[in-house]
Amino acid sequence: MAHRLDRERRLVAALDAGARDVDALLDAAWDDVPDGLRRAAGVTLAAHLDKLAEEGRLPPGVQRPEWGSSTLGDA
């Protein structure tokens, strides 16, 4: 639970600082994740973004991870 809350704290800090694209959000909150797990981190990012949206805490213009995106490790 503490780990999940730390990720959320780091994600919210990145959003507050103006980050809106998937790469910037992953770099801010999942900087310790190896490249091979970046796609999985993108799935977790999407879940965090959904939670923030449900709570009315997601700023406008935030990019959502896409399964076929090179951002998530596919070439």
PDB file of N, CA and C in Angstrom:
ATOM      1  N   MET A   1       0.819  -1.191   0.000  1.00  0.00           N
ATOM      2  CA  MET A   1       0.000   0.000   0.000  1.00  0.00           C
ATOM      3  C   MET A   1       0.869   1.263   0.000  1.00  0.00           C
ATOM      4  N   ALA A   2       1.911   1.271   0.821  1.00  0.00           N
ATOM      5  CA  ALA A   2       2.801   2.440   0.884  1.00  0.00           C
ATOM      6  C   ALA A   2       3.461   2.680  -0.472  1.00  0.00           C
ATOM      7  N   HIS A   3       3.831   1.595  -1.146  1.00  0.00           N
ATOM      8  CA  HIS A   3       4.465   1.701  -2.465  1.00  0.00           C
ATOM      9  C   HIS A   3       3.506   2.359  -3.460  1.00  0.00           C
ATOM     10  N   ARG A   4       2.261   1.924  -3.452  1.00  0.00           N
ATOM     11  CA  ARG A   4       1.251   2.478  -4.364  1.00  0.00           C
ATOM     12  C   ARG A   4       0.999   3.956  -4.069  1.00  0.00           C
ATOM     13  N   LEU A   5       0.930   4.303  -2.805  1.00  0.00           N
ATOM     14  CA  LEU A   5       0.725   5.701  -2.422  1.00  0.00           C
ATOM     15  C   LEU A   5       1.916   6.573  -2.807  1.00  0.00           C
ATOM     16  N   ASP A   6       3.122   6.012  -2.722  1.00  0.00           N
ATOM     17  CA  ASP A   6       4.307   6.760  -3.145  1.00  0.00           C
ATOM     18  C   ASP A   6       4.265   7.017  -4.646  1.00  0.00           C
ATOM     19  N   ARG A   7       3.872   6.007  -5.427  1.00  0.00           N
ATOM     20  CA  ARG A   7       3.739   6.207  -6.888  1.00  0.00           C
ATOM     21  C   ARG A   7       2.726   7.311  -7.170  1.00  0.00           C
ATOM     22  N   GLU A   8       1.588   7.261  -6.472  1.00  0.00           N
ATOM     23  CA  GLU A   8       0.565   8.278  -6.699  1.00  0.00           C
ATOM     24  C   GLU A   8       1.085   9.662  -6.322  1.00  0.00           C
ATOM     25  N   ARG A   9       1.787   9.758  -5.216  1.00  0.00           N
ATOM     26  CA  ARG A   9       2.351  11.040  -4.792  1.00  0.00           C
ATOM     27  C   ARG A   9       3.295  11.589  -5.853  1.00  0.00           C
ATOM     28  N   ARG A  10       4.150  10.716  -6.401  1.00  0.00           N
ATOM     29  CA  ARG A  10       5.094  11.140  -7.426  1.00  0.00           C
ATOM     30  C   ARG A  10       4.377  11.519  -8.716  1.00  0.00           C
ATOM     31  N   LEU A  11       3.327  10.782  -9.062  1.00  0.00           N
ATOM     32  CA  LEU A  11       2.537  11.090 -10.254  1.00  0.00           C
ATOM     33  C   LEU A  11       1.845  12.439 -10.096  1.00  0.00           C
ATOM     34  N   VAL A  12       1.219  12.681  -8.960  1.00  0.00           N
ATOM     35  CA  VAL A  12       0.528  13.950  -8.724  1.00  0.00           C
ATOM     36  C   VAL A  12       1.523  15.107  -8.747  1.00  0.00           C
ATOM     37  N   ALA A  13       2.711  14.904  -8.193  1.00  0.00           N
ATOM     38  CA  ALA A  13       3.738  15.960  -8.225  1.00  0.00           C
ATOM     39  C   ALA A  13       4.123  16.278  -9.669  1.00  0.00           C
ATOM     40  N   ALA A  14       4.249  15.248 -10.507  1.00  0.00           N
ATOM     41  CA  ALA A  14       4.579  15.470 -11.918  1.00  0.00           C
ATOM     42  C   ALA A  14       3.450  16.210 -12.632  1.00  0.00           C
ATOM     43  N   LEU A  15       2.214  15.835 -12.346  1.00  0.00           N
ATOM     44  CA  LEU A  15       1.070  16.530 -12.941  1.00  0.00           C
ATOM     45  C   LEU A  15       1.034  17.980 -12.481  1.00  0.00           C
ATOM     46  N   ASP A  16       1.280  18.208 -11.199  1.00  0.00           N
ATOM     47  CA  ASP A  16       1.299  19.575 -10.665  1.00  0.00           C
ATOM     48  C   ASP A  16       2.401  20.421 -11.316  1.00  0.00           C
ATOM     49  N   ALA A  17       3.495  19.757 -11.705  1.00  0.00           N
ATOM     50  CA  ALA A  17       4.616  20.455 -12.342  1.00  0.00           C
ATOM     51  C   ALA A  17       4.380  20.665 -13.841  1.00  0.00           C
ATOM     52  N   GLY A  18       3.257  20.136 -14.362  1.00  0.00           N
ATOM     53  CA  GLY A  18       2.912  20.374 -15.755  1.00  0.00           C
ATOM     54  C   GLY A  18       3.099  19.202 -16.697  1.00  0.00           C
ATOM     55  N   ALA A  19       3.578  18.061 -16.213  1.00  0.00           N
ATOM     56  CA  ALA A  19       3.742  16.894 -17.080  1.00  0.00           C
ATOM     57  C   ALA A  19       2.373  16.426 -17.567  1.00  0.00           C
ATOM     58  N   ARG A  20       2.277  16.120 -18.846  1.00  0.00           N
ATOM     59  CA  ARG A  20       1.003  15.671 -19.405  1.00  0.00           C
ATOM     60  C   ARG A  20       1.162  14.465 -20.336  1.00  0.00           C
ATOM     61  N   ASP A  21       2.382  14.167 -20.800  1.00  0.00           N
ATOM     62  CA  ASP A  21       2.531  13.049 -21.724  1.00  0.00           C
ATOM     63  C   ASP A  21       3.006  11.796 -20.983  1.00  0.00           C
ATOM     64  N   VAL A  22       2.742  10.665 -21.584  1.00  0.00           N
ATOM     65  CA  VAL A  22       3.014   9.366 -20.968  1.00  0.00           C
ATOM     66  C   VAL A  22       4.477   9.236 -20.567  1.00  0.00           C
ATOM     67  N   ASP A  23       5.400   9.587 -21.458  1.00  0.00           N
ATOM     68  CA  ASP A  23       6.830   9.443 -21.146  1.00  0.00           C
ATOM     69  C   ASP A  23       7.214  10.241 -19.907  1.00  0.00           C
ATOM     70  N   ALA A  24       6.770  11.476 -19.831  1.00  0.00           N
ATOM     71  CA  ALA A  24       7.120  12.323 -18.688  1.00  0.00           C
ATOM     72  C   ALA A  24       6.529  11.773 -17.401  1.00  0.00           C
ATOM     73  N   LEU A  25       5.298  11.275 -17.460  1.00  0.00           N
ATOM     74  CA  LEU A  25       4.666  10.727 -16.267  1.00  0.00           C
ATOM     75  C   LEU A  25       5.348   9.443 -15.818  1.00  0.00           C
ATOM     76  N   LEU A  26       5.686   8.585 -16.773  1.00  0.00           N
ATOM     77  CA  LEU A  26       6.410   7.355 -16.421  1.00  0.00           C
ATOM     78  C   LEU A  26       7.792   7.681 -15.867  1.00  0.00           C
ATOM     79  N   ASP A  27       8.476   8.629 -16.483  1.00  0.00           N
ATOM     80  CA  ASP A  27       9.806   9.014 -16.006  1.00  0.00           C
ATOM     81  C   ASP A  27       9.753   9.567 -14.585  1.00  0.00           C
ATOM     82  N   ALA A  28       8.688  10.274 -14.261  1.00  0.00           N
ATOM     83  CA  ALA A  28       8.578  10.895 -12.943  1.00  0.00           C
ATOM     84  C   ALA A  28       8.229   9.892 -11.849  1.00  0.00           C
ATOM     85  N   ALA A  29       7.290   9.012 -12.123  1.00  0.00           N
ATOM     86  CA  ALA A  29       6.790   8.133 -11.063  1.00  0.00           C
ATOM     87  C   ALA A  29       7.306   6.704 -11.150  1.00  0.00           C
ATOM     88  N   TRP A  30       7.808   6.294 -12.301  1.00  0.00           N
ATOM     89  CA  TRP A  30       8.303   4.932 -12.480  1.00  0.00           C
ATOM     90  C   TRP A  30       9.742   4.953 -12.998  1.00  0.00           C
ATOM     91  N   ASP A  31      10.544   5.860 -12.493  1.00  0.00           N
ATOM     92  CA  ASP A  31      11.928   5.998 -12.957  1.00  0.00           C
ATOM     93  C   ASP A  31      12.799   4.813 -12.580  1.00  0.00           C
ATOM     94  N   ASP A  32      12.352   3.991 -11.663  1.00  0.00           N
ATOM     95  CA  ASP A  32      13.123   2.830 -11.216  1.00  0.00           C
ATOM     96  C   ASP A  32      12.770   1.557 -11.987  1.00  0.00           C
ATOM     97  N   VAL A  33      11.844   1.655 -12.942  1.00  0.00           N
ATOM     98  CA  VAL A  33      11.385   0.490 -13.688  1.00  0.00           C
ATOM     99  C   VAL A  33      12.279   0.263 -14.904  1.00  0.00           C
ATOM    100  N   PRO A  34      12.792  -0.960 -15.080  1.00  0.00           N
ATOM    101  CA  PRO A  34      13.611  -1.252 -16.263  1.00  0.00           C
ATOM    102  C   PRO A  34      12.793  -1.107 -17.550  1.00  0.00           C
ATOM    103  N   ASP A  35      13.473  -0.835 -18.651  1.00  0.00           N
ATOM    104  CA  ASP A  35      12.801  -0.639 -19.937  1.00  0.00           C
ATOM    105  C   ASP A  35      11.867  -1.793 -20.294  1.00  0.00           C
ATOM    106  N   GLY A  36      12.249  -3.000 -19.964  1.00  0.00           N
ATOM    107  CA  GLY A  36      11.431  -4.171 -20.283  1.00  0.00           C
ATOM    108  C   GLY A  36      10.103  -4.207 -19.551  1.00  0.00           C
ATOM    109  N   LEU A  37       9.976  -3.438 -18.493  1.00  0.00           N
ATOM    110  CA  LEU A  37       8.730  -3.397 -17.728  1.00  0.00           C
ATOM    111  C   LEU A  37       7.957  -2.088 -17.920  1.00  0.00           C
ATOM    112  N   ARG A  38       8.411  -1.279 -18.861  1.00  0.00           N
ATOM    113  CA  ARG A  38       7.770   0.018 -19.073  1.00  0.00           C
ATOM    114  C   ARG A  38       6.320  -0.134 -19.527  1.00  0.00           C
ATOM    115  N   ARG A  39       6.031  -1.130 -20.335  1.00  0.00           N
ATOM    116  CA  ARG A  39       4.652  -1.365 -20.774  1.00  0.00           C
ATOM    117  C   ARG A  39       3.763  -1.691 -19.574  1.00  0.00           C
ATOM    118  N   ALA A  40       4.243  -2.540 -18.684  1.00  0.00           N
ATOM    119  CA  ALA A  40       3.481  -2.865 -17.477  1.00  0.00           C
ATOM    120  C   ALA A  40       3.283  -1.619 -16.614  1.00  0.00           C
ATOM    121  N   ALA A  41       4.308  -0.785 -16.530  1.00  0.00           N
ATOM    122  CA  ALA A  41       4.185   0.466 -15.781  1.00  0.00           C
ATOM    123  C   ALA A  41       3.126   1.359 -16.421  1.00  0.00           C
ATOM    124  N   GLY A  42       3.014   1.317 -17.742  1.00  0.00           N
ATOM    125  CA  GLY A  42       1.991   2.089 -18.441  1.00  0.00           C
ATOM    126  C   GLY A  42       0.589   1.641 -18.070  1.00  0.00           C
ATOM    127  N   VAL A  43       0.409   0.350 -17.864  1.00  0.00           N
ATOM    128  CA  VAL A  43      -0.892  -0.175 -17.431  1.00  0.00           C
ATOM    129  C   VAL A  43      -1.215   0.365 -16.039  1.00  0.00           C
ATOM    130  N   THR A  44      -0.225   0.350 -15.174  1.00  0.00           N
ATOM    131  CA  THR A  44      -0.413   0.874 -13.819  1.00  0.00           C
ATOM    132  C   THR A  44      -0.662   2.378 -13.855  1.00  0.00           C
ATOM    133  N   LEU A  45       0.059   3.082 -14.717  1.00  0.00           N
ATOM    134  CA  LEU A  45      -0.161   4.519 -14.890  1.00  0.00           C
ATOM    135  C   LEU A  45      -1.612   4.778 -15.276  1.00  0.00           C
ATOM    136  N   ALA A  46      -2.129   4.010 -16.226  1.00  0.00           N
ATOM    137  CA  ALA A  46      -3.516   4.184 -16.662  1.00  0.00           C
ATOM    138  C   ALA A  46      -4.476   4.010 -15.492  1.00  0.00           C
ATOM    139  N   ALA A  47      -4.227   3.029 -14.641  1.00  0.00           N
ATOM    140  CA  ALA A  47      -5.089   2.798 -13.477  1.00  0.00           C
ATOM    141  C   ALA A  47      -5.030   3.983 -12.512  1.00  0.00           C
ATOM    142  N   HIS A  48      -3.841   4.514 -12.300  1.00  0.00           N
ATOM    143  CA  HIS A  48      -3.703   5.690 -11.434  1.00  0.00           C
ATOM    144  C   HIS A  48      -4.436   6.891 -12.032  1.00  0.00           C
ATOM    145  N   LEU A  49      -4.313   7.076 -13.342  1.00  0.00           N
ATOM    146  CA  LEU A  49      -5.000   8.195 -13.993  1.00  0.00           C
ATOM    147  C   LEU A  49      -6.517   8.047 -13.883  1.00  0.00           C
ATOM    148  N   ASP A  50      -7.012   6.814 -14.031  1.00  0.00           N
ATOM    149  CA  ASP A  50      -8.446   6.567 -13.875  1.00  0.00           C
ATOM    150  C   ASP A  50      -8.904   6.938 -12.465  1.00  0.00           C
ATOM    151  N   LYS A  51      -8.128   6.539 -11.473  1.00  0.00           N
ATOM    152  CA  LYS A  51      -8.464   6.852 -10.084  1.00  0.00           C
ATOM    153  C   LYS A  51      -8.516   8.357  -9.853  1.00  0.00           C
ATOM    154  N   LEU A  52      -7.490   9.057 -10.340  1.00  0.00           N
ATOM    155  CA  LEU A  52      -7.462  10.508 -10.184  1.00  0.00           C
ATOM    156  C   LEU A  52      -8.641  11.160 -10.905  1.00  0.00           C
ATOM    157  N   ALA A  53      -9.006  10.639 -12.068  1.00  0.00           N
ATOM    158  CA  ALA A  53     -10.148  11.177 -12.816  1.00  0.00           C
ATOM    159  C   ALA A  53     -11.438  10.963 -12.028  1.00  0.00           C
ATOM    160  N   GLU A  54     -11.619   9.783 -11.465  1.00  0.00           N
ATOM    161  CA  GLU A  54     -12.818   9.492 -10.672  1.00  0.00           C
ATOM    162  C   GLU A  54     -12.927  10.423  -9.472  1.00  0.00           C
ATOM    163  N   GLU A  55     -11.793  10.813  -8.926  1.00  0.00           N
ATOM    164  CA  GLU A  55     -11.760  11.697  -7.762  1.00  0.00           C
ATOM    165  C   GLU A  55     -11.820  13.179  -8.153  1.00  0.00           C
ATOM    166  N   GLY A  56     -11.852  13.451  -9.469  1.00  0.00           N
ATOM    167  CA  GLY A  56     -11.877  14.825  -9.942  1.00  0.00           C
ATOM    168  C   GLY A  56     -10.550  15.540  -9.773  1.00  0.00           C
ATOM    169  N   ARG A  57      -9.453  14.778  -9.722  1.00  0.00           N
ATOM    170  CA  ARG A  57      -8.126  15.346  -9.479  1.00  0.00           C
ATOM    171  C   ARG A  57      -7.221  15.291 -10.701  1.00  0.00           C
ATOM    172  N   LEU A  58      -7.739  14.846 -11.845  1.00  0.00           N
ATOM    173  CA  LEU A  58      -6.920  14.731 -13.048  1.00  0.00           C
ATOM    174  C   LEU A  58      -7.033  16.012 -13.865  1.00  0.00           C
ATOM    175  N   PRO A  59      -5.901  16.692 -14.091  1.00  0.00           N
ATOM    176  CA  PRO A  59      -5.957  17.922 -14.888  1.00  0.00           C
ATOM    177  C   PRO A  59      -6.304  17.615 -16.347  1.00  0.00           C
ATOM    178  N   PRO A  60      -6.796  18.600 -17.070  1.00  0.00           N
ATOM    179  CA  PRO A  60      -7.109  18.390 -18.487  1.00  0.00           C
ATOM    180  C   PRO A  60      -5.842  18.201 -19.311  1.00  0.00           C
ATOM    181  N   GLY A  61      -6.000  17.493 -20.420  1.00  0.00           N
ATOM    182  CA  GLY A  61      -4.918  17.356 -21.389  1.00  0.00           C
ATOM    183  C   GLY A  61      -3.892  16.286 -21.084  1.00  0.00           C
ATOM    184  N   VAL A  62      -4.199  15.380 -20.169  1.00  0.00           N
ATOM    185  CA  VAL A  62      -3.247  14.319 -19.835  1.00  0.00           C
ATOM    186  C   VAL A  62      -3.360  13.205 -20.861  1.00  0.00           C
ATOM    187  N   GLN A  63      -2.227  12.840 -21.439  1.00  0.00           N
ATOM    188  CA  GLN A  63      -2.169  11.755 -22.421  1.00  0.00           C
ATOM    189  C   GLN A  63      -2.354  10.425 -21.707  1.00  0.00           C
ATOM    190  N   ARG A  64      -3.115   9.532 -22.322  1.00  0.00           N
ATOM    191  CA  ARG A  64      -3.330   8.195 -21.774  1.00  0.00           C
ATOM    192  C   ARG A  64      -2.427   7.188 -22.485  1.00  0.00           C
ATOM    193  N   PRO A  65      -1.914   6.204 -21.759  1.00  0.00           N
ATOM    194  CA  PRO A  65      -1.112   5.155 -22.409  1.00  0.00           C
ATOM    195  C   PRO A  65      -1.953   4.399 -23.438  1.00  0.00           C
ATOM    196  N   GLU A  66      -1.310   4.015 -24.532  1.00  0.00           N
ATOM    197  CA  GLU A  66      -1.961   3.235 -25.571  1.00  0.00           C
ATOM    198  C   GLU A  66      -1.187   1.942 -25.742  1.00  0.00           C
ATOM    199  N   TRP A  67      -1.876   0.845 -25.936  1.00  0.00           N
ATOM    200  CA  TRP A  67      -1.219  -0.462 -26.020  1.00  0.00           C
ATOM    201  C   TRP A  67      -0.216  -0.553 -27.148  1.00  0.00           C
ATOM    202  N   GLY A  68      -0.469   0.029 -28.296  1.00  0.00           N
ATOM    203  CA  GLY A  68       0.447  -0.095 -29.423  1.00  0.00           C
ATOM    204  C   GLY A  68       1.528   0.976 -29.469  1.00  0.00           C
ATOM    205  N   SER A  69       1.612   1.779 -28.457  1.00  0.00           N
ATOM    206  CA  SER A  69       2.512   2.928 -28.468  1.00  0.00           C
ATOM    207  C   SER A  69       3.960   2.528 -28.254  1.00  0.00           C
ATOM    208  N   SER A  70       4.860   3.189 -28.955  1.00  0.00           N
ATOM    209  CA  SER A  70       6.291   2.972 -28.718  1.00  0.00           C
ATOM    210  C   SER A  70       6.680   3.450 -27.320  1.00  0.00           C
ATOM    211  N   THR A  71       5.871   4.313 -26.747  1.00  0.00           N
ATOM    212  CA  THR A  71       6.117   4.777 -25.377  1.00  0.00           C
ATOM    213  C   THR A  71       6.122   3.603 -24.414  1.00  0.00           C
ATOM    214  N   LEU A  72       5.337   2.582 -24.717  1.00  0.00           N
ATOM    215  CA  LEU A  72       5.221   1.455 -23.811  1.00  0.00           C
ATOM    216  C   LEU A  72       6.101   0.284 -24.215  1.00  0.00           C
ATOM    217  N   GLY A  73       7.080   0.531 -25.035  1.00  0.00           N
ATOM    218  CA  GLY A  73       8.073  -0.482 -25.319  1.00  0.00           C
ATOM    219  C   GLY A  73       7.897  -1.244 -26.619  1.00  0.00           C
ATOM    220  N   ASP A  74       6.861  -0.970 -27.391  1.00  0.00           N
ATOM    221  CA  ASP A  74       6.686  -1.638 -28.677  1.00  0.00           C
ATOM    222  C   ASP A  74       7.377  -0.823 -29.753  1.00  0.00           C
ATOM    223  N   ALA A  75       8.015  -1.496 -30.676  1.00  0.00           N
ATOM    224  CA  ALA A  75       8.684  -0.792 -31.766  1.00  0.00           C
ATOM    225  C   ALA A  75       7.842  -0.820 -33.010  1.00  0.00           C
TER     226      ALA A  75
END
